[in-house]
């Protein structure tokens, strides 16, 4: 009996050690999911917000894209902060920003207040995204790629919440009630970050330099930024590759996907959002799969090219085949979500090749390019639509034909063709020295 009780106790201790080791990673993933949820709100409530704010298609596209522009512009400062400051403090600050943004979304009917909402949400997402990747590097886990995959998987579940439960509650109780629920979720995120985040015991040279004065700290920042920026493979090619895989998310899931599906396939709004939800489920499934492949195989270049080719074929099927059932659409979008997780390979390359003291800046530079592409894609898509002669104003809303939407979505196949070439030039042979 004593032997059995000691075995049970040892089993419990091992599970507690495992949980404590992954505690911060789990919390960062949940926080990232909430910040991703905020980016989807302007797709879920497009009709309501367009009517309330009295804006055109281009103006609404620009409003939605402010989230991504802010995210892109804050990534490098946030990456530097994570190289110098405790992750716990920064994540708590970001959680507070998210809660304030959700409060503004609930109460404001002003266009300028909604711009502030997008700025705060984009900043919070930068802290959540870089923080999650940085904590994985801090923990020095043997399975960096798999942990990164789980971070992407859980983080993108925020899109699933916006695509189905929020739409259901909107139709059942009204979108104002959903805005209140969204704010209370923000309060819950703040509570979790305040009470359950643990400090990390790892110390880095940048944090030590911070004690020696402003000049040495500035020199360390400039040195880390220079070391990261001089290797184009670290940020430009990887950032462009990852940015292309964001495009189905920012165009289909975050903005125009629901409208396109309702018009082309005569689906209800709930059914269309179920299809969009299957895309986010695919991302949740694909994240760990891509992470496992990167851990299992030393050369991931071929997987990057396979991911690009698969996304290209899936986009062509969705855009060119007219009669698809709801189940087939959900399957296709689910597969697209799985293959869109190939962007993870770019960040894995960054994590495993960067110097310990400049991982934050390297990740930020890559994410900067990725999010600038996503931010530019939304207003570009709106501009392409507005240039067509098929625009119809109905109840104050700009409506477009299915053919016009498909012409604008033609940006996606061209982008994935480019990603195949980018994958060929990215240095993607992973060694186990850093694992």
Protein backbone atom coordinates (compact mmCIF):
# COMPACT_ATOMS: atom_id res chain seq x y z
CA UNK A 1 0.00 0.00 0.00
CA UNK A 2 2.85 2.35 0.80
CA UNK A 3 4.40 1.67 -2.61
CA UNK A 4 1.09 2.41 -4.35
CA UNK A 5 0.54 5.65 -2.46
CA UNK A 6 4.09 6.80 -3.21
CA UNK A 7 3.56 6.01 -6.91
CA UNK A 8 0.31 8.00 -6.96
CA UNK A 9 2.00 10.89 -5.18
CA UNK A 10 4.90 10.85 -7.65
CA UNK A 11 2.45 10.76 -10.55
CA UNK A 12 0.63 13.80 -9.14
CA UNK A 13 3.90 15.68 -8.68
CA UNK A 14 4.98 14.96 -12.25
CA UNK A 15 1.66 16.25 -13.57
CA UNK A 16 1.95 19.38 -11.41
CA UNK A 17 5.46 20.02 -12.73
CA UNK A 18 4.19 19.62 -16.28
CA UNK A 19 1.28 21.98 -15.63
CA UNK A 20 3.49 24.62 -14.01
CA UNK A 21 5.93 24.38 -16.91
CA UNK A 22 3.13 25.01 -19.43
CA UNK A 23 0.98 27.35 -17.30
CA UNK A 24 2.16 30.57 -18.92
CA UNK A 25 1.97 29.05 -22.41
CA UNK A 26 -1.66 28.04 -21.84
CA UNK A 27 -2.60 31.47 -20.49
CA UNK A 28 -0.85 33.22 -23.40
CA UNK A 29 -2.76 31.01 -25.84
CA UNK A 30 -6.11 31.88 -24.23
CA UNK A 31 -5.22 35.56 -24.20
CA UNK A 32 -4.21 35.36 -27.87
CA UNK A 33 -7.58 33.73 -28.61
CA UNK A 34 -9.37 36.71 -27.07
CA UNK A 35 -7.35 39.23 -29.07
CA UNK A 36 -8.03 37.27 -32.27
CA UNK A 37 -11.72 37.30 -31.37
CA UNK A 38 -11.61 41.10 -31.38
CA UNK A 39 -10.33 41.12 -34.96
CA UNK A 40 -13.30 39.01 -36.11
CA UNK A 41 -15.92 41.31 -34.58
CA UNK A 42 -15.87 43.67 -37.55
CA UNK A 43 -16.85 40.79 -39.82
CA UNK A 44 -19.50 39.38 -37.48
CA UNK A 45 -21.15 42.80 -37.03
CA UNK A 46 -20.37 44.31 -40.44
CA UNK A 47 -23.97 45.17 -41.32
CA UNK A 48 -24.81 46.58 -37.88
CA UNK A 49 -21.61 48.65 -37.63
CA UNK A 50 -21.83 49.96 -41.20
CA UNK A 51 -25.36 51.20 -40.60
CA UNK A 52 -24.53 52.65 -37.16
CA UNK A 53 -21.34 54.42 -38.25
CA UNK A 54 -22.70 55.45 -41.68
CA UNK A 55 -19.52 54.60 -43.58
CA UNK A 56 -18.77 53.39 -47.11
CA UNK A 57 -17.18 50.09 -48.10
CA UNK A 58 -13.70 51.59 -48.40
CA UNK A 59 -14.03 53.46 -45.09
CA UNK A 60 -15.18 50.31 -43.32
CA UNK A 61 -12.31 48.32 -44.85
CA UNK A 62 -9.86 50.93 -43.61
CA UNK A 63 -11.44 50.84 -40.15
CA UNK A 64 -11.08 47.08 -39.99
CA UNK A 65 -7.48 47.23 -41.27
CA UNK A 66 -6.41 49.68 -38.53
CA UNK A 67 -6.22 46.65 -36.24
CA UNK A 68 -3.58 45.05 -38.47
CA UNK A 69 -1.66 48.28 -39.11
CA UNK A 70 -1.44 48.91 -35.37
CA UNK A 71 -0.39 45.31 -34.81
CA UNK A 72 2.35 45.67 -37.43
CA UNK A 73 3.66 49.01 -36.12
CA UNK A 74 3.81 47.88 -32.49
CA UNK A 75 5.47 44.51 -33.07
CA UNK A 76 9.08 45.73 -32.98
CA UNK A 77 8.66 47.87 -29.82
CA UNK A 78 6.80 44.98 -28.22
CA UNK A 79 9.54 42.53 -29.23
CA UNK A 80 12.16 44.82 -27.66
CA UNK A 81 10.05 45.07 -24.49
CA UNK A 82 9.94 41.29 -24.19
CA UNK A 83 13.74 41.15 -24.55
CA UNK A 84 14.10 43.59 -21.63
CA UNK A 85 11.04 43.38 -19.36
CA UNK A 86 9.22 40.55 -17.49
CA UNK A 87 6.59 38.85 -19.66
CA UNK A 88 4.13 38.75 -16.75
CA UNK A 89 4.01 42.55 -16.43
CA UNK A 90 3.62 43.10 -20.16
CA UNK A 91 0.85 40.53 -20.56
CA UNK A 92 -1.12 42.02 -17.68
CA UNK A 93 -0.86 45.44 -19.30
CA UNK A 94 -2.04 44.03 -22.63
CA UNK A 95 -4.99 42.26 -21.00
CA UNK A 96 -6.09 45.59 -19.53
CA UNK A 97 -5.91 47.18 -22.99
CA UNK A 98 -8.15 44.42 -24.38
CA UNK A 99 -10.76 44.96 -21.68
CA UNK A 100 -10.79 48.73 -22.32
CA UNK A 101 -11.17 48.12 -26.07
CA UNK A 102 -14.10 45.75 -25.48
CA UNK A 103 -15.75 48.41 -23.28
CA UNK A 104 -15.38 51.00 -26.07
CA UNK A 105 -16.86 48.56 -28.61
CA UNK A 106 -19.88 48.02 -26.36
CA UNK A 107 -20.74 51.66 -25.62
CA UNK A 108 -19.48 53.74 -28.53
CA UNK A 109 -21.36 54.67 -31.70
CA UNK A 110 -18.65 57.08 -32.89
CA UNK A 111 -16.33 56.29 -35.80
CA UNK A 112 -13.35 57.82 -33.98
CA UNK A 113 -13.93 55.78 -30.83
CA UNK A 114 -14.00 52.65 -32.97
CA UNK A 115 -10.64 53.69 -34.43
CA UNK A 116 -9.32 53.80 -30.86
CA UNK A 117 -10.84 50.36 -30.29
CA UNK A 118 -8.91 48.96 -33.26
CA UNK A 119 -5.68 50.59 -32.08
CA UNK A 120 -6.00 49.11 -28.58
CA UNK A 121 -6.94 45.66 -29.92
CA UNK A 122 -4.02 45.62 -32.35
CA UNK A 123 -1.58 46.61 -29.60
CA UNK A 124 -2.92 43.92 -27.26
CA UNK A 125 -2.63 41.29 -30.00
CA UNK A 126 1.03 42.23 -30.54
CA UNK A 127 1.75 41.64 -26.84
CA UNK A 128 -0.18 38.37 -26.83
CA UNK A 129 1.41 37.04 -30.03
CA UNK A 130 5.04 37.93 -29.31
CA UNK A 131 4.56 37.06 -25.63
CA UNK A 132 3.37 33.56 -26.43
CA UNK A 133 6.24 32.89 -28.85
CA UNK A 134 8.77 34.42 -26.45
CA UNK A 135 7.58 32.37 -23.49
CA UNK A 136 8.01 29.19 -25.53
CA UNK A 137 11.60 30.25 -26.15
CA UNK A 138 12.07 31.18 -22.47
CA UNK A 139 10.87 27.78 -21.29
CA UNK A 140 13.45 26.07 -23.57
CA UNK A 141 11.04 23.24 -24.24
CA UNK A 142 12.31 20.30 -26.28
CA UNK A 143 9.27 20.62 -28.54
CA UNK A 144 9.45 24.23 -29.67
CA UNK A 145 7.61 23.58 -32.92
CA UNK A 146 4.81 21.58 -31.30
CA UNK A 147 4.35 24.22 -28.61
CA UNK A 148 4.20 26.92 -31.29
CA UNK A 149 1.56 24.88 -33.11
CA UNK A 150 -0.60 24.65 -29.99
CA UNK A 151 -0.22 28.41 -29.44
CA UNK A 152 -1.54 29.07 -32.97
CA UNK A 153 -4.27 26.44 -32.54
CA UNK A 154 -5.72 27.74 -29.28
CA UNK A 155 -5.19 31.36 -30.27
CA UNK A 156 -7.22 31.04 -33.45
CA UNK A 157 -10.17 29.53 -31.61
CA UNK A 158 -11.18 33.12 -30.96
CA UNK A 159 -12.32 33.27 -34.57
CA UNK A 160 -14.56 30.25 -34.00
CA UNK A 161 -16.30 32.03 -31.12
CA UNK A 162 -17.00 35.06 -33.32
CA UNK A 163 -18.13 32.90 -36.24
CA UNK A 164 -20.76 30.83 -34.45
CA UNK A 165 -21.71 31.57 -30.80
CA UNK A 166 -21.58 35.34 -31.29
CA UNK A 167 -23.70 35.16 -34.46
CA UNK A 168 -26.22 32.89 -32.71
CA UNK A 169 -26.53 35.23 -29.71
CA UNK A 170 -26.72 38.24 -32.04
CA UNK A 171 -29.75 36.78 -33.80
CA UNK A 172 -31.28 35.60 -30.53
CA UNK A 173 -30.73 38.62 -28.27
CA UNK A 174 -29.30 41.43 -30.41
CA UNK A 175 -25.74 42.50 -31.07
CA UNK A 176 -25.64 44.89 -28.09
CA UNK A 177 -25.97 41.89 -25.72
CA UNK A 178 -23.09 40.18 -27.52
CA UNK A 179 -20.98 43.31 -27.04
CA UNK A 180 -21.66 43.13 -23.29
CA UNK A 181 -20.67 39.43 -23.24
CA UNK A 182 -17.50 40.32 -25.14
CA UNK A 183 -16.61 42.92 -22.51
CA UNK A 184 -17.14 40.47 -19.63
CA UNK A 185 -14.85 38.01 -21.39
CA UNK A 186 -12.24 40.77 -21.39
CA UNK A 187 -12.67 41.22 -17.64
CA UNK A 188 -12.18 37.44 -17.21
CA UNK A 189 -8.95 37.58 -19.24
CA UNK A 190 -7.64 40.38 -17.00
CA UNK A 191 -8.48 38.32 -13.89
CA UNK A 192 -6.67 35.24 -15.23
CA UNK A 193 -3.57 37.24 -16.15
CA UNK A 194 -3.51 38.96 -12.75
CA UNK A 195 -3.90 35.83 -10.63
CA UNK A 196 -2.49 32.89 -12.58
CA UNK A 197 0.47 34.14 -14.62
CA UNK A 198 3.80 33.13 -13.10
CA UNK A 199 7.09 35.01 -13.30
CA UNK A 200 9.82 33.35 -15.35
CA UNK A 201 13.11 32.55 -13.66
CA UNK A 202 15.15 33.00 -16.85
CA UNK A 203 17.40 36.08 -17.02
CA UNK A 204 18.64 37.53 -20.28
CA UNK A 205 21.52 39.86 -21.05
CA UNK A 206 19.15 42.56 -22.22
CA UNK A 207 17.39 42.62 -18.85
CA UNK A 208 20.77 42.80 -17.07
CA UNK A 209 21.88 45.68 -19.28
CA UNK A 210 18.77 47.59 -18.26
CA UNK A 211 20.28 48.09 -14.82
CA UNK A 212 23.42 49.75 -16.19
CA UNK A 213 21.79 52.87 -17.58
CA UNK A 214 20.05 54.29 -20.60
CA UNK A 215 23.09 54.38 -22.91
CA UNK A 216 24.02 50.72 -22.48
CA UNK A 217 20.38 49.70 -22.74
CA UNK A 218 19.96 51.67 -25.98
CA UNK A 219 23.14 50.13 -27.35
CA UNK A 220 21.85 46.63 -26.53
CA UNK A 221 18.54 47.38 -28.26
CA UNK A 222 20.24 48.72 -31.39
CA UNK A 223 22.67 45.80 -31.46
CA UNK A 224 19.91 43.19 -31.17
CA UNK A 225 17.85 44.96 -33.82
CA UNK A 226 20.83 45.16 -36.17
CA UNK A 227 21.75 41.48 -35.68
CA UNK A 228 18.17 40.47 -36.43
CA UNK A 229 17.63 42.84 -39.37
CA UNK A 230 20.83 42.10 -41.29
CA UNK A 231 19.75 38.52 -42.04
CA UNK A 232 17.05 38.91 -44.68
CA UNK A 233 16.13 35.23 -44.41
CA UNK A 234 15.09 35.87 -40.82
CA UNK A 235 12.42 38.41 -41.47
CA UNK A 236 11.74 39.38 -45.08
CA UNK A 237 11.29 35.99 -46.76
CA UNK A 238 9.71 34.39 -43.69
CA UNK A 239 7.48 37.43 -43.16
CA UNK A 240 6.29 37.45 -46.77
CA UNK A 241 5.65 33.70 -46.67
CA UNK A 242 3.67 33.93 -43.41
CA UNK A 243 1.80 37.01 -44.61
CA UNK A 244 0.43 35.19 -47.65
CA UNK A 245 -1.09 32.52 -45.41
CA UNK A 246 -2.82 35.23 -43.37
CA UNK A 247 -4.73 36.49 -46.41
CA UNK A 248 -7.54 33.86 -46.35
CA UNK A 249 -8.07 34.79 -42.71
CA UNK A 250 -8.17 38.58 -43.12
CA UNK A 251 -10.23 38.52 -46.34
CA UNK A 252 -12.51 35.50 -45.96
CA UNK A 253 -12.86 35.08 -42.20
CA UNK A 254 -12.39 38.62 -40.89
CA UNK A 255 -14.24 40.66 -43.50
CA UNK A 256 -15.99 39.46 -46.70
CA UNK A 257 -16.32 35.68 -46.40
CA UNK A 258 -19.81 35.66 -44.91
CA UNK A 259 -21.18 38.02 -47.58
CA UNK A 260 -19.62 35.96 -50.37
CA UNK A 261 -20.99 32.64 -49.08
CA UNK A 262 -24.49 34.03 -48.53
CA UNK A 263 -24.65 35.43 -52.07
CA UNK A 264 -23.02 32.62 -54.03
CA UNK A 265 -24.36 29.55 -52.23
CA UNK A 266 -27.65 31.03 -50.90
CA UNK A 267 -26.78 30.21 -47.29
CA UNK A 268 -28.23 31.79 -44.20
CA UNK A 269 -25.95 34.00 -42.12
CA UNK A 270 -25.64 31.27 -39.47
CA UNK A 271 -24.73 28.66 -42.10
CA UNK A 272 -22.17 30.99 -43.69
CA UNK A 273 -20.57 31.60 -40.32
CA UNK A 274 -20.52 27.85 -39.69
CA UNK A 275 -18.40 27.56 -42.84
CA UNK A 276 -16.11 30.35 -41.61
CA UNK A 277 -16.03 28.59 -38.24
CA UNK A 278 -14.82 25.40 -39.91
CA UNK A 279 -11.86 27.43 -41.22
CA UNK A 280 -10.86 28.38 -37.66
CA UNK A 281 -11.37 24.78 -36.52
CA UNK A 282 -9.02 23.76 -39.33
CA UNK A 283 -6.43 26.20 -37.98
CA UNK A 284 -6.85 24.71 -34.50
CA UNK A 285 -6.24 21.23 -35.92
CA UNK A 286 -3.47 22.24 -38.28
CA UNK A 287 -1.35 24.08 -35.72
CA UNK A 288 -0.26 21.01 -33.72
CA UNK A 289 0.06 18.95 -36.92
CA UNK A 290 2.46 21.43 -38.52
CA UNK A 291 4.35 21.74 -35.26
CA UNK A 292 4.71 17.97 -35.02
CA UNK A 293 6.00 17.74 -38.60
CA UNK A 294 8.60 20.43 -37.90
CA UNK A 295 9.75 18.54 -34.77
CA UNK A 296 9.78 15.20 -36.56
CA UNK A 297 11.65 16.14 -39.75
CA UNK A 298 14.87 18.12 -40.05
CA UNK A 299 14.06 19.74 -43.39
CA UNK A 300 10.68 21.46 -43.65
CA UNK A 301 11.14 23.25 -46.99
CA UNK A 302 9.09 20.59 -48.77
CA UNK A 303 6.25 20.93 -46.25
CA UNK A 304 6.24 24.70 -46.83
CA UNK A 305 5.90 24.17 -50.59
CA UNK A 306 3.21 21.50 -50.09
CA UNK A 307 1.25 23.90 -47.89
CA UNK A 308 1.41 26.63 -50.54
CA UNK A 309 0.30 24.28 -53.32
CA UNK A 310 -2.55 22.83 -51.26
CA UNK A 311 -3.91 26.29 -50.37
CA UNK A 312 -3.70 27.34 -54.02
CA UNK A 313 -5.74 24.33 -55.16
CA UNK A 314 -8.34 24.73 -52.40
CA UNK A 315 -8.85 28.43 -53.19
CA UNK A 316 -9.30 27.64 -56.90
CA UNK A 317 -11.93 24.98 -56.08
CA UNK A 318 -13.85 27.34 -53.77
CA UNK A 319 -13.85 30.21 -56.27
CA UNK A 320 -14.57 28.24 -59.46
CA UNK A 321 -17.06 25.51 -58.52
CA UNK A 322 -20.58 26.87 -58.24
CA UNK A 323 -22.70 24.11 -56.70
CA UNK A 324 -21.22 23.03 -53.37
CA UNK A 325 -23.25 21.76 -50.43
CA UNK A 326 -22.87 23.08 -46.89
CA UNK A 327 -20.96 19.98 -45.76
CA UNK A 328 -18.56 20.17 -48.72
CA UNK A 329 -17.94 23.87 -48.07
CA UNK A 330 -17.22 23.20 -44.41
CA UNK A 331 -14.80 20.43 -45.41
CA UNK A 332 -13.01 22.63 -47.95
CA UNK A 333 -12.69 25.54 -45.56
CA UNK A 334 -11.57 23.19 -42.78
CA UNK A 335 -8.83 21.82 -45.05
CA UNK A 336 -7.89 25.39 -46.03
CA UNK A 337 -7.52 26.26 -42.33
CA UNK A 338 -5.28 23.23 -41.75
CA UNK A 339 -2.98 24.07 -44.66
CA UNK A 340 -2.98 27.80 -43.82
CA UNK A 341 -1.11 26.82 -40.65
CA UNK A 342 1.97 26.39 -42.83
CA UNK A 343 2.78 29.96 -41.72
CA UNK A 344 3.99 28.34 -38.48
CA UNK A 345 7.03 26.99 -40.33
CA UNK A 346 8.26 30.55 -40.90
CA UNK A 347 8.16 31.36 -37.18
CA UNK A 348 9.79 28.05 -36.27
CA UNK A 349 12.70 28.96 -38.54
CA UNK A 350 13.01 32.27 -36.71
CA UNK A 351 12.89 30.68 -33.24
CA UNK A 352 15.51 28.06 -34.00
CA UNK A 353 17.97 30.30 -35.85
CA UNK A 354 17.88 33.53 -33.83
CA UNK A 355 20.28 34.48 -31.07
CA UNK A 356 18.85 34.03 -27.57
CA UNK A 357 18.95 37.77 -26.82
CA UNK A 358 17.30 38.87 -30.07
CA UNK A 359 14.52 36.33 -30.59
CA UNK A 360 11.91 38.92 -29.66
CA UNK A 361 13.11 41.41 -32.29
CA UNK A 362 13.47 38.68 -34.94
CA UNK A 363 9.94 37.43 -34.32
CA UNK A 364 8.67 41.02 -34.37
CA UNK A 365 10.29 41.78 -37.74
CA UNK A 366 8.77 38.66 -39.26
CA UNK A 367 5.34 39.37 -37.78
CA UNK A 368 5.68 43.01 -38.94
CA UNK A 369 5.89 41.97 -42.59
CA UNK A 370 3.14 39.38 -42.11
CA UNK A 371 0.67 41.83 -40.58
CA UNK A 372 1.48 44.67 -42.98
CA UNK A 373 0.42 42.32 -45.77
CA UNK A 374 -2.80 41.51 -43.94
CA UNK A 375 -3.47 45.18 -43.19
CA UNK A 376 -2.86 46.23 -46.79
CA UNK A 377 -5.00 43.43 -48.21
CA UNK A 378 -8.25 44.64 -46.63
CA UNK A 379 -8.33 48.20 -48.05
CA UNK A 380 -6.91 46.89 -51.35
CA UNK A 381 -9.79 44.42 -51.52
CA UNK A 382 -12.27 47.23 -50.77
CA UNK A 383 -10.68 49.43 -53.43
CA UNK A 384 -10.96 46.66 -56.05
CA UNK A 385 -14.64 46.27 -55.18
CA UNK A 386 -15.34 49.99 -55.33
CA UNK A 387 -13.75 50.22 -58.80
CA UNK A 388 -16.35 47.83 -60.22
CA UNK A 389 -19.61 49.11 -61.69
CA UNK A 390 -21.72 46.46 -60.00
CA UNK A 391 -22.09 48.32 -56.68
CA UNK A 392 -25.68 48.61 -55.46
CA UNK A 393 -26.75 50.68 -52.45
CA UNK A 394 -29.38 48.81 -50.42
CA UNK A 395 -30.57 50.21 -47.08
CA UNK A 396 -27.41 52.29 -46.90
CA UNK A 397 -25.14 49.28 -47.52
CA UNK A 398 -22.87 48.69 -50.51
CA UNK A 399 -23.70 45.38 -52.18
CA UNK A 400 -21.67 43.64 -54.90
CA UNK A 401 -22.30 40.80 -57.31
CA UNK A 402 -20.73 37.40 -56.76
CA UNK A 403 -18.62 37.82 -59.89
CA UNK A 404 -17.19 41.10 -58.55
CA UNK A 405 -16.31 39.49 -55.22
CA UNK A 406 -14.61 36.61 -57.02
CA UNK A 407 -12.54 39.03 -59.09
CA UNK A 408 -11.30 40.64 -55.88
CA UNK A 409 -10.64 37.23 -54.29
CA UNK A 410 -8.46 36.51 -57.32
CA UNK A 411 -5.65 38.10 -55.30
CA UNK A 412 -5.40 34.88 -53.29
CA UNK A 413 -4.32 32.42 -56.04
CA UNK A 414 -1.65 34.86 -57.21
CA UNK A 415 -0.35 35.22 -53.66
CA UNK A 416 -0.08 31.46 -53.10
CA UNK A 417 1.78 31.06 -56.39
CA UNK A 418 4.30 33.55 -55.01
CA UNK A 419 4.54 31.66 -51.72
CA UNK A 420 5.77 28.53 -53.54
CA UNK A 421 8.74 30.49 -54.83
CA UNK A 422 9.40 32.07 -51.42
CA UNK A 423 9.45 28.65 -49.75
CA UNK A 424 12.17 27.52 -52.14
CA UNK A 425 14.54 30.31 -51.02
CA UNK A 426 13.85 30.17 -47.25
CA UNK A 427 16.56 28.45 -45.22
CA UNK A 428 14.45 25.78 -43.59
CA UNK A 429 16.73 22.98 -42.48
CA UNK A 430 16.13 22.63 -38.74
CA UNK A 431 18.85 21.26 -36.50
CA UNK A 432 18.34 19.92 -32.99
CA UNK A 433 21.05 22.01 -31.35
CA UNK A 434 18.58 24.54 -30.01
CA UNK A 435 15.97 21.96 -28.94
